[in-house]
Amino acid sequence: MKTRLGNYSRHLLALCTLCFVATSASAELVVIVSSRNPNPVLNAEQVSAIFLGQTGSFPDGAAAVAIDQGLGAAQRDLFYRQLTGKTPALLKAHWSKMVFTGRGQPPREAPSDAAVRRMVADNPSMIGYIERAALDPSVRPVLVLQ
């Protein structure tokens, strides 16, 4: 009985590990702008400043409007964890403080990668993030998060 339980536990652990690796590999995020946006590449600090409401413009001075994935979306949690190190709770606290002090409003939300891509493609002022697999010629990656 002990051996069966031990084998079952090892197999379950191996399966969980494979699932985690597969999920992590498929969730490579890219920060995107419209293919008509002239900004070539952005660094993590520039993107973070835009998404945390610390600046409202791209490095060239043009207006920047951030688009978030929906609250609770895996992409959103991964994006903020990788880019800023903030958990959903810390991000909520950040925006509560920004709104309360009148220094900013959180980014607008879109329900899916396709919706983010469509909104960003239609407006050169917008910036968003999607999974790499959702890229198409209408948008251009300016930062890859790994």
C-alpha atoms as a PDB file:
ATOM      1  CA  MET A   1       0.000   0.000   0.000  1.00  0.00           C
ATOM      2  CA  LYS A   2       2.827   2.422   0.876  1.00  0.00           C
ATOM      3  CA  THR A   3       4.523   1.820  -2.469  1.00  0.00           C
ATOM      4  CA  ARG A   4       1.349   2.484  -4.456  1.00  0.00           C
ATOM      5  CA  LEU A   5       0.698   5.689  -2.539  1.00  0.00           C
ATOM      6  CA  GLY A   6       4.319   6.768  -3.005  1.00  0.00           C
ATOM      7  CA  ASN A   7       4.187   6.034  -6.740  1.00  0.00           C
ATOM      8  CA  TYR A   8       0.866   7.864  -7.036  1.00  0.00           C
ATOM      9  CA  SER A   9       2.314  10.905  -5.245  1.00  0.00           C
ATOM     10  CA  ARG A  10       5.387  10.966  -7.476  1.00  0.00           C
ATOM     11  CA  HIS A  11       3.273  10.668 -10.625  1.00  0.00           C
ATOM     12  CA  LEU A  12       0.948  13.421  -9.434  1.00  0.00           C
ATOM     13  CA  LEU A  13       3.899  15.691  -8.645  1.00  0.00           C
ATOM     14  CA  ALA A  14       5.420  15.022 -12.086  1.00  0.00           C
ATOM     15  CA  LEU A  15       2.096  15.779 -13.784  1.00  0.00           C
ATOM     16  CA  CYS A  16       1.687  19.024 -11.841  1.00  0.00           C
ATOM     17  CA  THR A  17       5.228  20.061 -12.768  1.00  0.00           C
ATOM     18  CA  LEU A  18       4.583  19.368 -16.455  1.00  0.00           C
ATOM     19  CA  CYS A  19       1.356  21.356 -16.344  1.00  0.00           C
ATOM     20  CA  PHE A  20       3.138  24.296 -14.699  1.00  0.00           C
ATOM     21  CA  VAL A  21       5.958  24.244 -17.277  1.00  0.00           C
ATOM     22  CA  ALA A  22       3.497  24.025 -20.165  1.00  0.00           C
ATOM     23  CA  THR A  23       1.433  26.914 -18.781  1.00  0.00           C
ATOM     24  CA  SER A  24       4.519  29.056 -18.196  1.00  0.00           C
ATOM     25  CA  ALA A  25       5.882  28.396 -21.673  1.00  0.00           C
ATOM     26  CA  SER A  26       2.631  29.292 -23.406  1.00  0.00           C
ATOM     27  CA  ALA A  27       2.122  32.470 -21.414  1.00  0.00           C
ATOM     28  CA  GLU A  28       4.920  34.601 -22.845  1.00  0.00           C
ATOM     29  CA  LEU A  29       3.560  38.120 -22.844  1.00  0.00           C
ATOM     30  CA  VAL A  30       4.377  40.955 -25.213  1.00  0.00           C
ATOM     31  CA  VAL A  31       3.631  44.626 -24.716  1.00  0.00           C
ATOM     32  CA  ILE A  32       2.121  45.962 -27.922  1.00  0.00           C
ATOM     33  CA  VAL A  33       1.423  49.217 -29.702  1.00  0.00           C
ATOM     34  CA  SER A  34      -0.314  49.891 -33.001  1.00  0.00           C
ATOM     35  CA  SER A  35       1.767  49.167 -36.077  1.00  0.00           C
ATOM     36  CA  ARG A  36       1.252  52.900 -36.793  1.00  0.00           C
ATOM     37  CA  ASN A  37       2.898  53.956 -33.495  1.00  0.00           C
ATOM     38  CA  PRO A  38       6.395  55.362 -34.165  1.00  0.00           C
ATOM     39  CA  ASN A  39       7.980  54.268 -30.852  1.00  0.00           C
ATOM     40  CA  PRO A  40      10.423  51.464 -31.703  1.00  0.00           C
ATOM     41  CA  VAL A  41      11.103  49.752 -28.363  1.00  0.00           C
ATOM     42  CA  LEU A  42      10.292  50.526 -24.742  1.00  0.00           C
ATOM     43  CA  ASN A  43      12.098  49.347 -21.647  1.00  0.00           C
ATOM     44  CA  ALA A  44      10.418  47.842 -18.598  1.00  0.00           C
ATOM     45  CA  GLU A  45      10.631  51.081 -16.593  1.00  0.00           C
ATOM     46  CA  GLN A  46       8.877  53.070 -19.333  1.00  0.00           C
ATOM     47  CA  VAL A  47       6.094  50.491 -19.667  1.00  0.00           C
ATOM     48  CA  SER A  48       5.717  50.243 -15.893  1.00  0.00           C
ATOM     49  CA  ALA A  49       5.398  54.037 -15.586  1.00  0.00           C
ATOM     50  CA  ILE A  50       2.622  54.076 -18.188  1.00  0.00           C
ATOM     51  CA  PHE A  51       0.662  51.181 -16.648  1.00  0.00           C
ATOM     52  CA  LEU A  52       1.022  52.475 -13.069  1.00  0.00           C
ATOM     53  CA  GLY A  53      -0.158  55.959 -14.006  1.00  0.00           C
ATOM     54  CA  GLN A  54       3.172  57.673 -13.383  1.00  0.00           C
ATOM     55  CA  THR A  55       3.284  59.049 -16.920  1.00  0.00           C
ATOM     56  CA  GLY A  56       0.709  59.540 -19.635  1.00  0.00           C
ATOM     57  CA  SER A  57       3.069  59.689 -22.573  1.00  0.00           C
ATOM     58  CA  PHE A  58       5.475  57.669 -24.669  1.00  0.00           C
ATOM     59  CA  PRO A  59       9.171  58.643 -24.683  1.00  0.00           C
ATOM     60  CA  ASP A  60       8.591  60.763 -27.817  1.00  0.00           C
ATOM     61  CA  GLY A  61       6.010  62.864 -25.921  1.00  0.00           C
ATOM     62  CA  ALA A  62       2.912  61.438 -27.634  1.00  0.00           C
ATOM     63  CA  ALA A  63      -0.023  60.489 -25.402  1.00  0.00           C
ATOM     64  CA  ALA A  64      -0.024  56.924 -24.063  1.00  0.00           C
ATOM     65  CA  VAL A  65      -3.243  55.190 -23.022  1.00  0.00           C
ATOM     66  CA  ALA A  66      -2.818  51.852 -21.221  1.00  0.00           C
ATOM     67  CA  ILE A  67      -5.245  48.981 -21.778  1.00  0.00           C
ATOM     68  CA  ASP A  68      -5.377  46.206 -19.174  1.00  0.00           C
ATOM     69  CA  GLN A  69      -6.659  42.673 -19.452  1.00  0.00           C
ATOM     70  CA  GLY A  70      -9.765  42.055 -17.339  1.00  0.00           C
ATOM     71  CA  LEU A  71      -9.560  41.832 -13.563  1.00  0.00           C
ATOM     72  CA  GLY A  72      -8.645  38.278 -12.565  1.00  0.00           C
ATOM     73  CA  ALA A  73      -7.207  37.357 -15.982  1.00  0.00           C
ATOM     74  CA  ALA A  74      -4.086  35.204 -15.771  1.00  0.00           C
ATOM     75  CA  GLN A  75      -2.323  37.485 -18.271  1.00  0.00           C
ATOM     76  CA  ARG A  76      -2.964  40.520 -16.074  1.00  0.00           C
ATOM     77  CA  ASP A  77      -1.589  38.895 -12.925  1.00  0.00           C
ATOM     78  CA  LEU A  78       1.463  37.604 -14.818  1.00  0.00           C
ATOM     79  CA  PHE A  79       2.066  40.978 -16.502  1.00  0.00           C
ATOM     80  CA  TYR A  80       2.131  42.966 -13.266  1.00  0.00           C
ATOM     81  CA  ARG A  81       4.089  40.317 -11.384  1.00  0.00           C
ATOM     82  CA  GLN A  82       6.781  40.197 -14.096  1.00  0.00           C
ATOM     83  CA  LEU A  83       6.891  43.926 -14.833  1.00  0.00           C
ATOM     84  CA  THR A  84       6.426  45.501 -11.404  1.00  0.00           C
ATOM     85  CA  GLY A  85       6.597  42.668  -8.891  1.00  0.00           C
ATOM     86  CA  LYS A  86       3.115  43.637  -7.682  1.00  0.00           C
ATOM     87  CA  THR A  87       0.505  41.073  -6.678  1.00  0.00           C
ATOM     88  CA  PRO A  88      -3.171  41.792  -7.417  1.00  0.00           C
ATOM     89  CA  ALA A  89      -3.591  43.006  -3.808  1.00  0.00           C
ATOM     90  CA  LEU A  90      -0.638  45.405  -4.054  1.00  0.00           C
ATOM     91  CA  LEU A  91      -1.883  46.673  -7.402  1.00  0.00           C
ATOM     92  CA  LYS A  92      -5.327  47.311  -5.922  1.00  0.00           C
ATOM     93  CA  ALA A  93      -3.722  49.248  -3.058  1.00  0.00           C
ATOM     94  CA  HIS A  94      -1.648  51.264  -5.550  1.00  0.00           C
ATOM     95  CA  TRP A  95      -4.711  52.295  -7.545  1.00  0.00           C
ATOM     96  CA  SER A  96      -6.773  53.017  -4.434  1.00  0.00           C
ATOM     97  CA  LYS A  97      -4.089  55.472  -3.341  1.00  0.00           C
ATOM     98  CA  MET A  98      -3.771  57.014  -6.831  1.00  0.00           C
ATOM     99  CA  VAL A  99      -7.525  57.518  -7.156  1.00  0.00           C
ATOM    100  CA  PHE A 100      -7.941  58.788  -3.570  1.00  0.00           C
ATOM    101  CA  THR A 101      -5.173  61.377  -3.986  1.00  0.00           C
ATOM    102  CA  GLY A 102      -6.464  62.421  -7.425  1.00  0.00           C
ATOM    103  CA  ARG A 103      -3.228  61.442  -9.161  1.00  0.00           C
ATOM    104  CA  GLY A 104      -4.712  58.968 -11.619  1.00  0.00           C
ATOM    105  CA  GLN A 105      -7.229  56.393 -12.739  1.00  0.00           C
ATOM    106  CA  PRO A 106      -6.471  52.740 -13.503  1.00  0.00           C
ATOM    107  CA  PRO A 107      -6.198  51.676 -17.138  1.00  0.00           C
ATOM    108  CA  ARG A 108      -9.286  50.744 -19.101  1.00  0.00           C
ATOM    109  CA  GLU A 109      -9.917  47.016 -19.355  1.00  0.00           C
ATOM    110  CA  ALA A 110     -10.557  44.704 -22.277  1.00  0.00           C
ATOM    111  CA  PRO A 111     -11.918  41.164 -21.904  1.00  0.00           C
ATOM    112  CA  SER A 112      -9.400  39.214 -24.021  1.00  0.00           C
ATOM    113  CA  ASP A 113      -6.168  39.233 -26.005  1.00  0.00           C
ATOM    114  CA  ALA A 114      -8.182  39.758 -29.188  1.00  0.00           C
ATOM    115  CA  ALA A 115     -10.026  42.752 -27.721  1.00  0.00           C
ATOM    116  CA  VAL A 116      -6.789  44.335 -26.467  1.00  0.00           C
ATOM    117  CA  ARG A 117      -5.136  43.759 -29.849  1.00  0.00           C
ATOM    118  CA  ARG A 118      -8.098  45.279 -31.706  1.00  0.00           C
ATOM    119  CA  MET A 119      -8.235  48.386 -29.469  1.00  0.00           C
ATOM    120  CA  VAL A 120      -4.479  48.956 -29.689  1.00  0.00           C
ATOM    121  CA  ALA A 121      -4.410  48.399 -33.464  1.00  0.00           C
ATOM    122  CA  ASP A 122      -7.135  51.004 -33.953  1.00  0.00           C
ATOM    123  CA  ASN A 123      -5.435  53.727 -31.877  1.00  0.00           C
ATOM    124  CA  PRO A 124      -1.703  54.602 -32.064  1.00  0.00           C
ATOM    125  CA  SER A 125      -1.950  56.182 -28.587  1.00  0.00           C
ATOM    126  CA  MET A 126      -2.867  52.905 -26.906  1.00  0.00           C
ATOM    127  CA  ILE A 127      -0.546  50.341 -25.357  1.00  0.00           C
ATOM    128  CA  GLY A 128      -1.531  46.899 -24.090  1.00  0.00           C
ATOM    129  CA  TYR A 129      -0.225  43.401 -23.495  1.00  0.00           C
ATOM    130  CA  ILE A 130      -1.199  40.045 -24.937  1.00  0.00           C
ATOM    131  CA  GLU A 131       0.207  36.543 -25.252  1.00  0.00           C
ATOM    132  CA  ARG A 132       2.821  36.292 -27.995  1.00  0.00           C
ATOM    133  CA  ALA A 133       0.655  33.763 -29.860  1.00  0.00           C
ATOM    134  CA  ALA A 134      -2.040  36.438 -30.334  1.00  0.00           C
ATOM    135  CA  LEU A 135       0.226  38.816 -32.309  1.00  0.00           C
ATOM    136  CA  ASP A 136      -0.753  39.815 -35.824  1.00  0.00           C
ATOM    137  CA  PRO A 137       0.506  42.513 -38.270  1.00  0.00           C
ATOM    138  CA  SER A 138      -1.913  45.147 -36.916  1.00  0.00           C
ATOM    139  CA  VAL A 139       0.209  45.541 -33.749  1.00  0.00           C
ATOM    140  CA  ARG A 140       3.886  45.568 -32.933  1.00  0.00           C
ATOM    141  CA  PRO A 141       5.662  44.293 -29.820  1.00  0.00           C
ATOM    142  CA  VAL A 142       7.741  46.916 -27.985  1.00  0.00           C
ATOM    143  CA  LEU A 143       8.720  44.761 -24.996  1.00  0.00           C
ATOM    144  CA  VAL A 144       8.791  41.016 -24.404  1.00  0.00           C
ATOM    145  CA  LEU A 145       8.234  39.805 -20.835  1.00  0.00           C
ATOM    146  CA  GLN A 146       9.757  36.498 -19.800  1.00  0.00           C
END
